[in-house]
Amino acid sequence: QVQLTESGGGLVQPGGSLRLSCAVSGSIFSLNSMRWYRQAPGKERELVAEIPPAGSAKYADSVKGRFTISRDNGKNTGYLQMNSLKAEDTAVYYCYYPKGAYWGQGTQVTVSS
């Protein structure tokens, strides 16, 4: 069974940075894509970024130039580096593994002074 374990959320001031991690077990991570989604209170879940097994990553317009998605296939882990954080980035962030449609448990990111 595939399991996704997230870590790295927290409280940060505007302009700060956080790195989220998503450890994948039970699957051949290196052969599959991974995505990060987020859901703010009262809003629909939205796609933030996607990284394929090979090739270029894709980003939502709202995070381009500030967020970077990456992967370490040796560690079966995906990452979301978030820089220049804004209050509107506050949300629960979820990693998603399209092969089999698995979700992480979610991690809260709060950007506030």
Protein backbone atom coordinates (compact mmCIF):
# COMPACT_ATOMS: atom_id res chain seq x y z
CA GLN A 1 0.00 0.00 0.00
CA VAL A 2 1.24 3.46 -0.90
CA GLN A 3 1.69 5.91 1.96
CA LEU A 4 2.54 9.60 1.79
CA THR A 5 3.94 11.30 4.88
CA GLU A 6 4.20 15.07 4.90
CA SER A 7 6.25 17.35 7.10
CA GLY A 8 7.55 20.90 7.25
CA GLY A 9 4.55 23.16 7.72
CA GLY A 10 4.29 25.86 10.33
CA LEU A 11 3.96 29.55 11.06
CA VAL A 12 6.13 32.00 9.16
CA GLN A 13 6.19 35.76 8.72
CA PRO A 14 5.44 37.34 5.35
CA GLY A 15 8.52 37.19 3.15
CA GLY A 16 9.78 34.09 4.90
CA SER A 17 10.44 30.59 3.64
CA LEU A 18 9.38 27.03 4.38
CA ARG A 19 10.18 23.67 2.85
CA LEU A 20 7.59 20.92 2.77
CA SER A 21 8.54 17.28 2.39
CA CYS A 22 6.50 14.30 1.23
CA ALA A 23 7.97 10.85 1.79
CA VAL A 24 6.48 8.13 -0.40
CA SER A 25 6.53 4.45 0.52
CA GLY A 26 5.11 1.40 -1.22
CA SER A 27 5.64 2.56 -4.80
CA ILE A 28 8.37 3.09 -7.38
CA PHE A 29 8.58 6.80 -6.77
CA SER A 30 11.16 7.47 -9.48
CA LEU A 31 8.75 6.40 -12.24
CA ASN A 32 5.82 8.58 -11.24
CA SER A 33 4.73 12.19 -11.01
CA MET A 34 4.00 14.00 -7.79
CA ARG A 35 1.88 17.08 -7.10
CA TRP A 36 1.32 19.58 -4.33
CA TYR A 37 -2.14 21.03 -3.73
CA ARG A 38 -3.38 23.52 -1.17
CA GLN A 39 -6.73 24.41 0.33
CA ALA A 40 -7.41 27.68 2.10
CA PRO A 41 -10.40 28.12 4.42
CA GLY A 42 -13.61 28.48 2.42
CA LYS A 43 -11.88 27.80 -0.88
CA GLU A 44 -11.54 24.84 -3.21
CA ARG A 45 -8.41 22.74 -3.26
CA GLU A 46 -6.06 24.03 -5.94
CA LEU A 47 -3.04 22.60 -7.73
CA VAL A 48 0.17 24.36 -6.74
CA ALA A 49 2.88 22.45 -8.58
CA GLU A 50 3.63 19.17 -10.34
CA ILE A 51 6.88 17.40 -11.06
CA PRO A 52 7.04 14.56 -13.60
CA PRO A 53 9.46 11.64 -13.42
CA ALA A 54 11.57 13.53 -15.97
CA GLY A 55 11.19 16.91 -17.59
CA SER A 56 10.03 20.30 -16.44
CA ALA A 57 7.90 21.08 -13.45
CA LYS A 58 4.69 23.08 -13.73
CA TYR A 59 3.40 25.75 -11.37
CA ALA A 60 0.26 27.70 -10.66
CA ASP A 61 0.61 31.30 -11.79
CA SER A 62 0.17 32.48 -8.20
CA VAL A 63 3.39 30.75 -7.06
CA LYS A 64 5.65 30.98 -10.12
CA GLY A 65 9.02 32.42 -9.25
CA ARG A 66 8.48 31.86 -5.52
CA PHE A 67 7.92 28.13 -5.10
CA THR A 68 10.10 25.29 -6.35
CA ILE A 69 9.04 21.65 -6.53
CA SER A 70 11.77 19.03 -6.53
CA ARG A 71 12.34 15.35 -5.89
CA ASP A 72 15.01 13.07 -4.50
CA ASN A 73 14.38 9.65 -6.01
CA GLY A 74 17.03 8.07 -3.81
CA LYS A 75 15.04 9.10 -0.75
CA ASN A 76 11.58 8.55 -2.32
CA THR A 77 10.76 12.09 -1.27
CA GLY A 78 9.31 15.14 -2.94
CA TYR A 79 9.74 18.71 -1.76
CA LEU A 80 8.10 22.08 -2.08
CA GLN A 81 10.41 25.00 -1.33
CA MET A 82 8.33 28.10 -0.65
CA ASN A 83 10.02 31.50 -0.64
CA SER A 84 8.71 35.04 -0.38
CA LEU A 85 5.62 33.75 1.36
CA LYS A 86 2.50 35.90 1.44
CA ALA A 87 -0.55 35.89 3.67
CA GLU A 88 -2.56 34.48 0.77
CA ASP A 89 -0.35 31.39 0.76
CA THR A 90 -1.92 30.37 4.08
CA ALA A 91 -3.56 26.98 3.56
CA VAL A 92 -3.34 23.28 4.26
CA TYR A 93 -0.88 21.81 1.80
CA TYR A 94 -1.28 18.27 0.49
CA CYS A 95 1.02 16.11 -1.57
CA TYR A 96 -0.66 13.90 -4.12
CA TYR A 97 0.54 10.80 -5.92
CA PRO A 98 -1.43 10.43 -9.17
CA LYS A 99 -0.64 6.74 -9.64
CA GLY A 100 -3.38 5.24 -7.54
CA ALA A 101 -4.66 8.68 -6.41
CA TYR A 102 -3.05 8.82 -2.97
CA TRP A 103 -3.05 11.91 -0.74
CA GLY A 104 -0.82 12.96 2.09
CA GLN A 105 -2.35 13.87 5.43
CA GLY A 106 -1.92 17.60 4.88
CA THR A 107 0.26 20.13 6.66
CA GLN A 108 -0.77 23.61 7.78
CA VAL A 109 1.14 26.60 6.47
CA THR A 110 0.28 29.92 8.09
CA VAL A 111 1.83 33.17 6.89
CA SER A 112 1.25 35.92 9.40
CA SER A 113 3.06 38.66 11.26
